[in-house]
Amino acid sequence: MRSFVFFNGLFYKVLFFALLLSVAAKTVVNYRIDPINPNVTLPSGRFAITHAEHRQEVWPDYCDGLFGTISCNISDFIQPVVGIDNLETIVFIALAALVVIPVSLSTIGQDRSGLIPKYVGMGLVFAGGISNQGEIALLNHATDFLYFRVDIFSYHRFFIANLADTMILVGFLLVIVTPAYQKFVAALAIAGPPFRSDLGPESDQP
């Protein structure tokens, strides 16, 4: 049963140190860089370390971060059809449950050595979520400081995120992509080298 992600020490170690790193980064940015208004002033170049405060008077903020943005866009898309109050909350919880519950249950009774990406990924996801939502609960805002600008032909878009958002993204990739890659590699190993019918029996060389 110790293979269960929430009973494993590696999960809690990753959660603790990732959360500590995220809080430390936000603290340094808050003390060393003055906040900007993304609607008025933006850094030059395609990447910069800046300071933007994502303010939210209501906690929890279900539209914060990459995962929250996805859930809110989905809720905005289906709201005219469904017509349910607080739909963004329902969509956010449903999407989180669709990832967390299956991944957690899939770790029960498995070989712990093959579950390391899931332990690390889940630790990063929880650390990022606690960092952002905890800051919003205490300070009514999340500190964003990683500025990216994407210029592709006529497409121009900027993004301002933080280390916690990056942790959540990397965590999701680890718990979803890595197991699929492991199964692919295992399937190739079982299949063995491809059979070539054009090769005859080897003859002894003089």
N, C-alpha and C. Protein backbone atom coordinates (compact mmCIF):
# COMPACT_ATOMS: atom_id res chain seq x y z
N MET A 1 0.83 -1.22 0.00
CA MET A 1 0.00 0.00 0.00
C MET A 1 0.85 1.26 0.00
N ARG A 2 2.14 1.11 0.35
CA ARG A 2 3.00 2.29 0.38
C ARG A 2 3.26 2.86 -1.00
N SER A 3 2.87 2.10 -2.03
CA SER A 3 3.01 2.65 -3.38
C SER A 3 1.99 3.74 -3.66
N PHE A 4 0.90 3.80 -2.87
CA PHE A 4 -0.11 4.85 -3.04
C PHE A 4 0.55 6.21 -2.89
N VAL A 5 0.29 7.10 -3.84
CA VAL A 5 1.03 8.35 -3.91
C VAL A 5 0.97 9.16 -2.62
N PHE A 6 -0.18 9.17 -1.94
CA PHE A 6 -0.32 9.98 -0.73
C PHE A 6 0.26 9.30 0.51
N PHE A 7 0.79 8.09 0.35
CA PHE A 7 1.49 7.41 1.43
C PHE A 7 2.99 7.35 1.17
N ASN A 8 3.44 7.98 0.10
CA ASN A 8 4.84 7.89 -0.29
C ASN A 8 5.61 9.14 0.12
N GLY A 9 6.81 8.93 0.66
CA GLY A 9 7.59 10.06 1.15
C GLY A 9 8.09 10.98 0.04
N LEU A 10 8.38 10.44 -1.15
CA LEU A 10 8.89 11.27 -2.24
C LEU A 10 7.87 12.33 -2.63
N PHE A 11 6.59 11.98 -2.65
CA PHE A 11 5.55 12.95 -2.98
C PHE A 11 5.62 14.15 -2.03
N TYR A 12 5.75 13.90 -0.74
CA TYR A 12 5.76 14.99 0.24
C TYR A 12 7.07 15.78 0.21
N LYS A 13 8.17 15.10 -0.11
CA LYS A 13 9.44 15.82 -0.24
C LYS A 13 9.38 16.80 -1.42
N VAL A 14 8.88 16.33 -2.57
CA VAL A 14 8.75 17.21 -3.74
C VAL A 14 7.80 18.35 -3.44
N LEU A 15 6.66 18.04 -2.80
CA LEU A 15 5.69 19.08 -2.45
C LEU A 15 6.33 20.14 -1.56
N PHE A 16 7.05 19.72 -0.53
CA PHE A 16 7.65 20.67 0.42
C PHE A 16 8.69 21.56 -0.25
N PHE A 17 9.65 20.96 -0.94
CA PHE A 17 10.74 21.75 -1.51
C PHE A 17 10.27 22.60 -2.69
N ALA A 18 9.32 22.09 -3.49
CA ALA A 18 8.79 22.89 -4.60
C ALA A 18 8.00 24.07 -4.07
N LEU A 19 7.21 23.84 -3.02
CA LEU A 19 6.45 24.93 -2.41
C LEU A 19 7.38 25.97 -1.80
N LEU A 20 8.44 25.51 -1.14
CA LEU A 20 9.43 26.42 -0.56
C LEU A 20 10.09 27.26 -1.64
N LEU A 21 10.46 26.64 -2.76
CA LEU A 21 11.09 27.37 -3.86
C LEU A 21 10.15 28.39 -4.47
N SER A 22 8.88 28.02 -4.65
CA SER A 22 7.90 28.95 -5.22
C SER A 22 7.68 30.14 -4.31
N VAL A 23 7.53 29.90 -3.02
CA VAL A 23 7.32 31.00 -2.07
C VAL A 23 8.54 31.91 -2.02
N ALA A 24 9.74 31.33 -2.03
CA ALA A 24 10.96 32.12 -2.00
C ALA A 24 11.07 33.00 -3.24
N ALA A 25 10.75 32.45 -4.42
CA ALA A 25 10.82 33.23 -5.66
C ALA A 25 9.83 34.40 -5.63
N LYS A 26 8.61 34.14 -5.17
CA LYS A 26 7.61 35.22 -5.09
C LYS A 26 8.04 36.29 -4.09
N THR A 27 8.63 35.87 -2.98
CA THR A 27 9.08 36.83 -1.97
C THR A 27 10.16 37.74 -2.51
N VAL A 28 11.13 37.16 -3.22
CA VAL A 28 12.21 37.97 -3.80
C VAL A 28 11.65 38.97 -4.81
N VAL A 29 10.75 38.52 -5.67
CA VAL A 29 10.16 39.40 -6.68
C VAL A 29 9.38 40.53 -6.02
N ASN A 30 8.61 40.22 -4.98
CA ASN A 30 7.82 41.25 -4.31
C ASN A 30 8.69 42.32 -3.65
N TYR A 31 9.85 41.93 -3.15
CA TYR A 31 10.72 42.87 -2.46
C TYR A 31 11.69 43.60 -3.39
N ARG A 32 12.01 43.01 -4.53
CA ARG A 32 13.05 43.60 -5.38
C ARG A 32 12.53 44.27 -6.63
N ILE A 33 11.32 43.93 -7.09
CA ILE A 33 10.81 44.48 -8.35
C ILE A 33 9.46 45.15 -8.11
N ASP A 34 9.32 46.38 -8.59
CA ASP A 34 8.05 47.09 -8.46
C ASP A 34 7.02 46.48 -9.41
N PRO A 35 5.77 46.35 -8.96
CA PRO A 35 4.74 45.77 -9.84
C PRO A 35 4.41 46.66 -11.02
N ILE A 36 4.04 46.06 -12.14
CA ILE A 36 3.65 46.79 -13.34
C ILE A 36 2.18 46.54 -13.62
N ASN A 37 1.63 47.36 -14.48
CA ASN A 37 0.27 47.15 -14.98
C ASN A 37 0.39 46.54 -16.37
N PRO A 38 0.04 45.25 -16.53
CA PRO A 38 0.20 44.60 -17.85
C PRO A 38 -0.59 45.27 -18.96
N ASN A 39 -1.63 46.02 -18.60
CA ASN A 39 -2.44 46.71 -19.62
C ASN A 39 -1.80 48.02 -20.07
N VAL A 40 -0.77 48.46 -19.35
CA VAL A 40 -0.15 49.75 -19.67
C VAL A 40 1.31 49.59 -20.08
N THR A 41 2.09 48.93 -19.25
CA THR A 41 3.52 48.79 -19.52
C THR A 41 3.90 47.32 -19.54
N LEU A 42 4.66 46.93 -20.54
CA LEU A 42 5.14 45.56 -20.67
C LEU A 42 6.64 45.57 -20.95
N PRO A 43 7.37 44.57 -20.50
CA PRO A 43 8.80 44.51 -20.79
C PRO A 43 9.04 44.37 -22.28
N SER A 44 10.22 44.80 -22.71
CA SER A 44 10.61 44.61 -24.10
C SER A 44 11.24 43.23 -24.24
N GLY A 45 11.27 42.72 -25.46
CA GLY A 45 11.85 41.41 -25.70
C GLY A 45 10.83 40.31 -25.55
N ARG A 46 11.29 39.08 -25.77
CA ARG A 46 10.40 37.92 -25.74
C ARG A 46 10.35 37.25 -24.38
N PHE A 47 11.30 37.56 -23.50
CA PHE A 47 11.27 37.00 -22.16
C PHE A 47 11.87 37.99 -21.18
N ALA A 48 11.29 38.06 -20.00
CA ALA A 48 11.81 38.96 -18.97
C ALA A 48 11.30 38.52 -17.61
N ILE A 49 12.05 38.90 -16.59
CA ILE A 49 11.60 38.73 -15.20
C ILE A 49 10.97 40.04 -14.78
N THR A 50 9.70 40.03 -14.46
CA THR A 50 8.98 41.24 -14.13
C THR A 50 8.15 41.00 -12.87
N HIS A 51 7.18 41.83 -12.62
CA HIS A 51 6.33 41.69 -11.43
C HIS A 51 4.94 42.19 -11.76
N ALA A 52 4.02 41.26 -11.91
CA ALA A 52 2.62 41.60 -12.16
C ALA A 52 1.76 40.90 -11.12
N GLU A 53 0.78 41.60 -10.57
CA GLU A 53 -0.07 41.02 -9.54
C GLU A 53 -1.43 40.65 -10.14
N HIS A 54 -1.69 39.35 -10.13
CA HIS A 54 -3.00 38.85 -10.59
C HIS A 54 -3.96 38.96 -9.41
N ARG A 55 -4.77 40.01 -9.40
CA ARG A 55 -5.62 40.29 -8.24
C ARG A 55 -6.96 39.58 -8.36
N GLN A 56 -7.44 39.09 -7.23
CA GLN A 56 -8.71 38.40 -7.16
C GLN A 56 -9.30 38.59 -5.76
N GLU A 57 -10.47 39.19 -5.70
CA GLU A 57 -11.09 39.47 -4.41
C GLU A 57 -11.81 38.26 -3.84
N VAL A 58 -12.06 37.27 -4.65
CA VAL A 58 -12.79 36.08 -4.21
C VAL A 58 -11.83 34.91 -4.15
N TRP A 59 -11.92 34.14 -3.07
CA TRP A 59 -11.09 32.95 -2.92
C TRP A 59 -11.97 31.74 -2.76
N PRO A 60 -11.63 30.60 -3.37
CA PRO A 60 -10.47 30.40 -4.26
C PRO A 60 -10.72 30.95 -5.66
N ASP A 61 -9.63 31.26 -6.36
CA ASP A 61 -9.70 31.79 -7.71
C ASP A 61 -9.58 30.63 -8.69
N TYR A 62 -10.71 30.25 -9.27
CA TYR A 62 -10.72 29.10 -10.17
C TYR A 62 -10.23 29.44 -11.57
N CYS A 63 -9.88 30.69 -11.82
CA CYS A 63 -9.37 31.07 -13.14
C CYS A 63 -7.89 31.41 -13.10
N ASP A 64 -7.22 31.13 -11.99
CA ASP A 64 -5.81 31.47 -11.86
C ASP A 64 -4.95 30.39 -12.49
N GLY A 65 -3.87 30.80 -13.14
CA GLY A 65 -2.92 29.86 -13.69
C GLY A 65 -3.39 29.22 -14.98
N LEU A 66 -2.53 28.38 -15.54
CA LEU A 66 -2.84 27.72 -16.81
C LEU A 66 -4.05 26.80 -16.68
N PHE A 67 -4.08 25.97 -15.64
CA PHE A 67 -5.18 25.04 -15.45
C PHE A 67 -6.49 25.79 -15.23
N GLY A 68 -6.44 26.86 -14.42
CA GLY A 68 -7.63 27.65 -14.18
C GLY A 68 -8.12 28.36 -15.43
N THR A 69 -7.18 28.83 -16.24
CA THR A 69 -7.56 29.49 -17.50
C THR A 69 -8.28 28.52 -18.42
N ILE A 70 -7.78 27.29 -18.50
CA ILE A 70 -8.42 26.28 -19.35
C ILE A 70 -9.83 25.98 -18.85
N SER A 71 -9.98 25.80 -17.55
CA SER A 71 -11.29 25.46 -17.00
C SER A 71 -12.28 26.61 -17.18
N CYS A 72 -11.81 27.85 -17.02
CA CYS A 72 -12.70 29.00 -17.19
C CYS A 72 -13.10 29.18 -18.66
N ASN A 73 -12.19 28.92 -19.57
CA ASN A 73 -12.53 29.01 -21.00
C ASN A 73 -13.57 27.95 -21.36
N ILE A 74 -13.42 26.75 -20.80
CA ILE A 74 -14.40 25.70 -21.05
C ILE A 74 -15.76 26.09 -20.48
N SER A 75 -15.77 26.64 -19.25
CA SER A 75 -17.04 27.03 -18.63
C SER A 75 -17.70 28.16 -19.40
N ASP A 76 -16.91 29.11 -19.92
CA ASP A 76 -17.48 30.20 -20.73
C ASP A 76 -18.08 29.67 -22.02
N PHE A 77 -17.46 28.62 -22.56
CA PHE A 77 -17.95 28.05 -23.83
C PHE A 77 -19.27 27.32 -23.66
N ILE A 78 -19.41 26.59 -22.54
CA ILE A 78 -20.62 25.79 -22.36
C ILE A 78 -21.69 26.49 -21.53
N GLN A 79 -21.36 27.66 -20.95
CA GLN A 79 -22.32 28.37 -20.11
C GLN A 79 -23.63 28.69 -20.83
N PRO A 80 -23.61 29.19 -22.09
CA PRO A 80 -24.88 29.48 -22.77
C PRO A 80 -25.77 28.26 -22.95
N VAL A 81 -25.17 27.08 -23.01
CA VAL A 81 -25.95 25.86 -23.22
C VAL A 81 -26.44 25.29 -21.89
N VAL A 82 -25.57 25.30 -20.89
CA VAL A 82 -25.90 24.67 -19.61
C VAL A 82 -26.72 25.60 -18.72
N GLY A 83 -26.26 26.85 -18.59
CA GLY A 83 -26.99 27.83 -17.78
C GLY A 83 -26.98 27.53 -16.30
N ILE A 84 -25.82 27.10 -15.74
CA ILE A 84 -25.70 26.79 -14.32
C ILE A 84 -24.85 27.85 -13.65
N ASP A 85 -25.27 28.29 -12.46
CA ASP A 85 -24.49 29.25 -11.69
C ASP A 85 -23.20 28.60 -11.18
N ASN A 86 -22.15 29.41 -11.05
CA ASN A 86 -20.85 28.92 -10.56
C ASN A 86 -20.33 27.75 -11.40
N LEU A 87 -20.55 27.84 -12.70
CA LEU A 87 -20.13 26.75 -13.58
C LEU A 87 -18.62 26.60 -13.59
N GLU A 88 -17.87 27.72 -13.48
CA GLU A 88 -16.41 27.63 -13.50
C GLU A 88 -15.89 26.81 -12.32
N THR A 89 -16.56 26.87 -11.18
CA THR A 89 -16.16 26.07 -10.03
C THR A 89 -16.36 24.58 -10.30
N ILE A 90 -17.51 24.25 -10.89
CA ILE A 90 -17.82 22.85 -11.19
C ILE A 90 -16.83 22.29 -12.21
N VAL A 91 -16.55 23.07 -13.26
CA VAL A 91 -15.63 22.61 -14.31
C VAL A 91 -14.23 22.44 -13.75
N PHE A 92 -13.79 23.38 -12.93
CA PHE A 92 -12.44 23.31 -12.34
C PHE A 92 -12.29 22.05 -11.50
N ILE A 93 -13.26 21.80 -10.61
CA ILE A 93 -13.19 20.62 -9.74
C ILE A 93 -13.28 19.35 -10.56
N ALA A 94 -14.14 19.33 -11.58
CA ALA A 94 -14.29 18.13 -12.41
C ALA A 94 -13.00 17.82 -13.16
N LEU A 95 -12.36 18.85 -13.75
CA LEU A 95 -11.11 18.61 -14.48
C LEU A 95 -10.00 18.15 -13.55
N ALA A 96 -9.93 18.77 -12.36
CA ALA A 96 -8.91 18.36 -11.40
C ALA A 96 -9.13 16.92 -10.95
N ALA A 97 -10.41 16.56 -10.72
CA ALA A 97 -10.72 15.19 -10.29
C ALA A 97 -10.40 14.18 -11.38
N LEU A 98 -10.62 14.56 -12.65
CA LEU A 98 -10.34 13.65 -13.76
C LEU A 98 -8.85 13.32 -13.88
N VAL A 99 -8.00 14.20 -13.34
CA VAL A 99 -6.56 13.96 -13.37
C VAL A 99 -6.09 13.33 -12.07
N VAL A 100 -6.44 13.95 -10.95
CA VAL A 100 -5.91 13.54 -9.65
C VAL A 100 -6.40 12.15 -9.24
N ILE A 101 -7.70 11.89 -9.36
CA ILE A 101 -8.25 10.62 -8.87
C ILE A 101 -7.71 9.42 -9.66
N PRO A 102 -7.77 9.42 -11.02
CA PRO A 102 -7.22 8.26 -11.74
C PRO A 102 -5.73 8.05 -11.51
N VAL A 103 -4.97 9.15 -11.49
CA VAL A 103 -3.52 9.02 -11.27
C VAL A 103 -3.24 8.46 -9.89
N SER A 104 -3.97 8.94 -8.88
CA SER A 104 -3.77 8.45 -7.51
C SER A 104 -4.10 6.98 -7.40
N LEU A 105 -5.25 6.58 -7.94
CA LEU A 105 -5.66 5.18 -7.85
C LEU A 105 -4.73 4.25 -8.63
N SER A 106 -4.14 4.77 -9.71
CA SER A 106 -3.26 3.93 -10.53
C SER A 106 -1.95 3.60 -9.83
N THR A 107 -1.65 4.26 -8.69
CA THR A 107 -0.40 3.99 -7.97
C THR A 107 -0.56 2.89 -6.93
N ILE A 108 -1.79 2.44 -6.66
CA ILE A 108 -2.02 1.45 -5.61
C ILE A 108 -1.51 0.08 -6.07
N GLY A 109 -0.67 -0.54 -5.24
CA GLY A 109 -0.21 -1.89 -5.50
C GLY A 109 0.77 -2.02 -6.65
N GLN A 110 1.37 -0.93 -7.10
CA GLN A 110 2.30 -0.99 -8.22
C GLN A 110 3.74 -0.93 -7.72
N ASP A 111 4.66 -1.24 -8.62
CA ASP A 111 6.09 -1.16 -8.29
C ASP A 111 6.48 0.29 -8.12
N ARG A 112 6.99 0.63 -6.94
CA ARG A 112 7.29 2.03 -6.63
C ARG A 112 8.37 2.62 -7.53
N SER A 113 9.31 1.78 -8.00
CA SER A 113 10.39 2.31 -8.84
C SER A 113 9.85 2.86 -10.16
N GLY A 114 8.73 2.32 -10.65
CA GLY A 114 8.17 2.82 -11.90
C GLY A 114 7.20 3.96 -11.71
N LEU A 115 6.95 4.35 -10.46
CA LEU A 115 5.98 5.40 -10.16
C LEU A 115 6.63 6.74 -9.82
N ILE A 116 7.94 6.81 -9.93
CA ILE A 116 8.64 8.05 -9.55
C ILE A 116 8.12 9.27 -10.32
N PRO A 117 7.91 9.19 -11.66
CA PRO A 117 7.36 10.38 -12.35
C PRO A 117 6.01 10.81 -11.81
N LYS A 118 5.17 9.86 -11.39
CA LYS A 118 3.86 10.23 -10.84
C LYS A 118 4.01 10.87 -9.46
N TYR A 119 4.91 10.33 -8.62
CA TYR A 119 5.15 10.94 -7.32
C TYR A 119 5.63 12.38 -7.46
N VAL A 120 6.63 12.57 -8.34
CA VAL A 120 7.19 13.91 -8.55
C VAL A 120 6.15 14.83 -9.18
N GLY A 121 5.44 14.34 -10.19
CA GLY A 121 4.44 15.16 -10.87
C GLY A 121 3.33 15.60 -9.95
N MET A 122 2.80 14.68 -9.15
CA MET A 122 1.73 15.04 -8.22
C MET A 122 2.23 16.02 -7.16
N GLY A 123 3.47 15.84 -6.71
CA GLY A 123 4.03 16.79 -5.75
C GLY A 123 4.13 18.19 -6.33
N LEU A 124 4.55 18.30 -7.60
CA LEU A 124 4.64 19.61 -8.25
C LEU A 124 3.27 20.24 -8.45
N VAL A 125 2.29 19.43 -8.84
CA VAL A 125 0.93 19.96 -9.05
C VAL A 125 0.36 20.52 -7.75
N PHE A 126 0.49 19.76 -6.67
CA PHE A 126 -0.06 20.22 -5.39
C PHE A 126 0.72 21.42 -4.85
N ALA A 127 2.03 21.43 -5.04
CA ALA A 127 2.83 22.57 -4.57
C ALA A 127 2.44 23.84 -5.31
N GLY A 128 2.28 23.75 -6.64
CA GLY A 128 1.89 24.92 -7.42
C GLY A 128 0.52 25.43 -7.04
N GLY A 129 -0.43 24.51 -6.86
CA GLY A 129 -1.78 24.92 -6.49
C GLY A 129 -1.83 25.56 -5.11
N ILE A 130 -1.12 24.98 -4.14
CA ILE A 130 -1.10 25.55 -2.79
C ILE A 130 -0.43 26.91 -2.79
N SER A 131 0.65 27.05 -3.57
CA SER A 131 1.37 28.33 -3.62
C SER A 131 0.48 29.45 -4.15
N ASN A 132 -0.18 29.21 -5.26
CA ASN A 132 -1.01 30.26 -5.86
C ASN A 132 -2.26 30.54 -5.04
N GLN A 133 -3.00 29.49 -4.68
CA GLN A 133 -4.24 29.70 -3.95
C GLN A 133 -3.99 30.20 -2.53
N GLY A 134 -2.89 29.77 -1.93
CA GLY A 134 -2.55 30.27 -0.61
C GLY A 134 -2.22 31.75 -0.63
N GLU A 135 -1.50 32.20 -1.66
CA GLU A 135 -1.17 33.62 -1.77
C GLU A 135 -2.43 34.45 -2.01
N ILE A 136 -3.34 33.95 -2.83
CA ILE A 136 -4.58 34.67 -3.09
C ILE A 136 -5.41 34.76 -1.81
N ALA A 137 -5.44 33.69 -1.03
CA ALA A 137 -6.20 33.69 0.21
C ALA A 137 -5.64 34.68 1.22
N LEU A 138 -4.30 34.83 1.26
CA LEU A 138 -3.67 35.71 2.24
C LEU A 138 -3.56 37.16 1.77
N LEU A 139 -3.23 37.35 0.47
CA LEU A 139 -2.91 38.68 -0.04
C LEU A 139 -3.87 39.19 -1.11
N ASN A 140 -4.87 38.38 -1.48
CA ASN A 140 -5.83 38.74 -2.53
C ASN A 140 -5.19 38.89 -3.90
N HIS A 141 -4.02 38.34 -4.09
CA HIS A 141 -3.40 38.35 -5.42
C HIS A 141 -2.35 37.25 -5.52
N ALA A 142 -2.04 36.87 -6.75
CA ALA A 142 -0.94 35.95 -7.03
C ALA A 142 0.16 36.72 -7.75
N THR A 143 1.40 36.48 -7.36
CA THR A 143 2.53 37.19 -7.94
C THR A 143 3.01 36.46 -9.19
N ASP A 144 2.89 37.11 -10.35
CA ASP A 144 3.38 36.57 -11.62
C ASP A 144 4.63 37.34 -12.03
N PHE A 145 5.64 36.63 -12.53
CA PHE A 145 6.90 37.32 -12.83
C PHE A 145 7.63 36.76 -14.05
N LEU A 146 7.13 35.71 -14.66
CA LEU A 146 7.77 35.15 -15.86
C LEU A 146 7.01 35.64 -17.09
N TYR A 147 7.61 36.57 -17.81
CA TYR A 147 6.97 37.19 -18.97
C TYR A 147 7.45 36.52 -20.25
N PHE A 148 6.50 36.09 -21.08
CA PHE A 148 6.80 35.50 -22.39
C PHE A 148 5.99 36.24 -23.45
N ARG A 149 6.63 36.50 -24.59
CA ARG A 149 5.91 37.07 -25.72
C ARG A 149 6.09 36.17 -26.92
N VAL A 150 4.99 35.83 -27.56
CA VAL A 150 5.02 34.94 -28.72
C VAL A 150 4.67 35.75 -29.96
N ASP A 151 5.58 35.76 -30.94
CA ASP A 151 5.36 36.45 -32.20
C ASP A 151 5.50 35.44 -33.34
N ILE A 152 4.39 35.04 -33.91
CA ILE A 152 4.39 34.11 -35.05
C ILE A 152 3.55 34.73 -36.16
N PHE A 153 4.22 35.26 -37.18
CA PHE A 153 3.56 35.94 -38.29
C PHE A 153 2.68 37.07 -37.72
N SER A 154 1.38 36.99 -37.90
CA SER A 154 0.50 38.05 -37.41
C SER A 154 -0.03 37.77 -36.01
N TYR A 155 0.41 36.67 -35.42
CA TYR A 155 -0.05 36.30 -34.08
C TYR A 155 0.89 36.89 -33.04
N HIS A 156 0.36 37.73 -32.17
CA HIS A 156 1.16 38.35 -31.11
C HIS A 156 0.41 38.17 -29.79
N ARG A 157 1.05 37.52 -28.87
CA ARG A 157 0.41 37.25 -27.58
C ARG A 157 1.46 37.23 -26.48
N PHE A 158 1.13 37.78 -25.32
CA PHE A 158 2.06 37.71 -24.21
C PHE A 158 1.43 36.93 -23.05
N PHE A 159 2.29 36.32 -22.26
CA PHE A 159 1.86 35.55 -21.10
C PHE A 159 2.71 35.96 -19.90
N ILE A 160 2.08 36.11 -18.76
CA ILE A 160 2.81 36.37 -17.52
C ILE A 160 2.39 35.30 -16.51
N ALA A 161 3.34 34.46 -16.13
CA ALA A 161 3.06 33.36 -15.21
C ALA A 161 4.04 33.43 -14.05
N ASN A 162 4.04 32.40 -13.24
CA ASN A 162 5.00 32.33 -12.15
C ASN A 162 5.54 30.90 -12.05
N LEU A 163 6.42 30.69 -11.10
CA LEU A 163 7.05 29.38 -10.97
C LEU A 163 6.03 28.31 -10.61
N ALA A 164 5.01 28.67 -9.84
CA ALA A 164 3.98 27.71 -9.46
C ALA A 164 3.21 27.22 -10.69
N ASP A 165 2.91 28.14 -11.62
CA ASP A 165 2.23 27.74 -12.86
C ASP A 165 3.10 26.75 -13.65
N THR A 166 4.40 27.02 -13.69
CA THR A 166 5.32 26.13 -14.40
C THR A 166 5.36 24.75 -13.74
N MET A 167 5.34 24.73 -12.41
CA MET A 167 5.34 23.46 -11.68
C MET A 167 4.10 22.64 -12.01
N ILE A 168 2.95 23.31 -12.06
CA ILE A 168 1.71 22.61 -12.38
C ILE A 168 1.76 22.02 -13.78
N LEU A 169 2.27 22.81 -14.74
CA LEU A 169 2.37 22.32 -16.12
C LEU A 169 3.32 21.13 -16.22
N VAL A 170 4.50 21.25 -15.61
CA VAL A 170 5.47 20.15 -15.64
C VAL A 170 4.91 18.93 -14.92
N GLY A 171 4.21 19.16 -13.81
CA GLY A 171 3.62 18.06 -13.07
C GLY A 171 2.61 17.28 -13.88
N PHE A 172 1.74 18.01 -14.59
CA PHE A 172 0.75 17.34 -15.43
C PHE A 172 1.42 16.55 -16.55
N LEU A 173 2.47 17.10 -17.12
CA LEU A 173 3.19 16.38 -18.17
C LEU A 173 3.80 15.10 -17.62
N LEU A 174 4.34 15.16 -16.41
CA LEU A 174 4.96 13.98 -15.81
C LEU A 174 3.94 12.88 -15.54
N VAL A 175 2.77 13.25 -15.01
CA VAL A 175 1.80 12.21 -14.63
C VAL A 175 1.01 11.69 -15.82
N ILE A 176 1.00 12.42 -16.93
CA ILE A 176 0.22 12.00 -18.09
C ILE A 176 1.10 11.47 -19.21
N VAL A 177 2.14 12.23 -19.58
CA VAL A 177 2.97 11.86 -20.72
C VAL A 177 3.97 10.76 -20.38
N THR A 178 4.62 10.86 -19.22
CA THR A 178 5.65 9.89 -18.88
C THR A 178 5.14 8.46 -18.80
N PRO A 179 4.01 8.17 -18.12
CA PRO A 179 3.51 6.79 -18.12
C PRO A 179 3.20 6.26 -19.52
N ALA A 180 2.66 7.12 -20.39
CA ALA A 180 2.39 6.69 -21.76
C ALA A 180 3.69 6.35 -22.48
N TYR A 181 4.73 7.14 -22.25
CA TYR A 181 6.04 6.86 -22.86
C TYR A 181 6.62 5.55 -22.31
N GLN A 182 6.46 5.31 -20.99
CA GLN A 182 6.97 4.08 -20.40
C GLN A 182 6.27 2.85 -21.00
N LYS A 183 4.97 2.94 -21.22
CA LYS A 183 4.23 1.82 -21.82
C LYS A 183 4.68 1.60 -23.26
N PHE A 184 4.96 2.68 -23.98
CA PHE A 184 5.42 2.57 -25.36
C PHE A 184 6.77 1.87 -25.43
N VAL A 185 7.70 2.26 -24.54
CA VAL A 185 9.02 1.64 -24.51
C VAL A 185 8.92 0.17 -24.11
N ALA A 186 8.05 -0.13 -23.13
CA ALA A 186 7.87 -1.52 -22.71
C ALA A 186 7.30 -2.38 -23.83
N ALA A 187 6.36 -1.81 -24.60
CA ALA A 187 5.78 -2.55 -25.72
C ALA A 187 6.83 -2.83 -26.78
N LEU A 188 7.71 -1.88 -27.04
CA LEU A 188 8.78 -2.11 -28.00
C LEU A 188 9.74 -3.20 -27.52
N ALA A 189 10.01 -3.20 -26.22
CA ALA A 189 10.93 -4.20 -25.68
C ALA A 189 10.35 -5.60 -25.78
N ILE A 190 9.03 -5.72 -25.55
CA ILE A 190 8.37 -7.03 -25.65
C ILE A 190 8.33 -7.51 -27.09
N ALA A 191 8.07 -6.58 -28.03
CA ALA A 191 7.99 -6.94 -29.44
C ALA A 191 9.32 -7.41 -29.99
N GLY A 192 10.41 -6.87 -29.46
CA GLY A 192 11.72 -7.29 -29.92
C GLY A 192 12.09 -6.63 -31.24
N PRO A 193 13.25 -6.97 -31.80
CA PRO A 193 13.69 -6.38 -33.07
C PRO A 193 12.78 -6.81 -34.21
N PRO A 194 12.59 -5.98 -35.21
CA PRO A 194 11.73 -6.34 -36.34
C PRO A 194 12.28 -7.54 -37.12
N PHE A 195 11.38 -8.40 -37.58
CA PHE A 195 11.77 -9.59 -38.34
C PHE A 195 12.01 -9.22 -39.80
N ARG A 196 13.11 -9.67 -40.34
CA ARG A 196 13.45 -9.40 -41.75
C ARG A 196 13.50 -10.73 -42.49
N SER A 197 12.55 -10.90 -43.40
CA SER A 197 12.46 -12.15 -44.15
C SER A 197 13.48 -12.24 -45.28
N ASP A 198 14.13 -11.12 -45.63
CA ASP A 198 15.05 -11.13 -46.75
C ASP A 198 16.43 -11.62 -46.35
N LEU A 199 16.62 -11.88 -45.04
CA LEU A 199 17.92 -12.33 -44.59
C LEU A 199 17.94 -13.84 -44.49
N GLY A 200 18.83 -14.48 -45.17
CA GLY A 200 18.95 -15.93 -45.11
C GLY A 200 19.81 -16.35 -43.96
N PRO A 201 19.98 -17.63 -43.77
CA PRO A 201 20.85 -18.11 -42.67
C PRO A 201 22.29 -17.66 -42.89
N GLU A 202 22.91 -17.35 -41.80
CA GLU A 202 24.29 -16.88 -41.88
C GLU A 202 25.19 -18.05 -42.29
N SER A 203 26.11 -17.78 -43.16
CA SER A 203 27.08 -18.80 -43.57
C SER A 203 28.43 -18.48 -42.94
N ASP A 204 29.18 -19.54 -42.72
CA ASP A 204 30.50 -19.35 -42.11
C ASP A 204 31.42 -18.64 -43.09
N GLN A 205 32.13 -17.69 -42.58
CA GLN A 205 33.07 -16.96 -43.41
C GLN A 205 34.42 -17.63 -43.31
N PRO A 206 35.16 -17.76 -44.43
CA PRO A 206 36.50 -18.38 -44.38
C PRO A 206 37.47 -17.50 -43.61
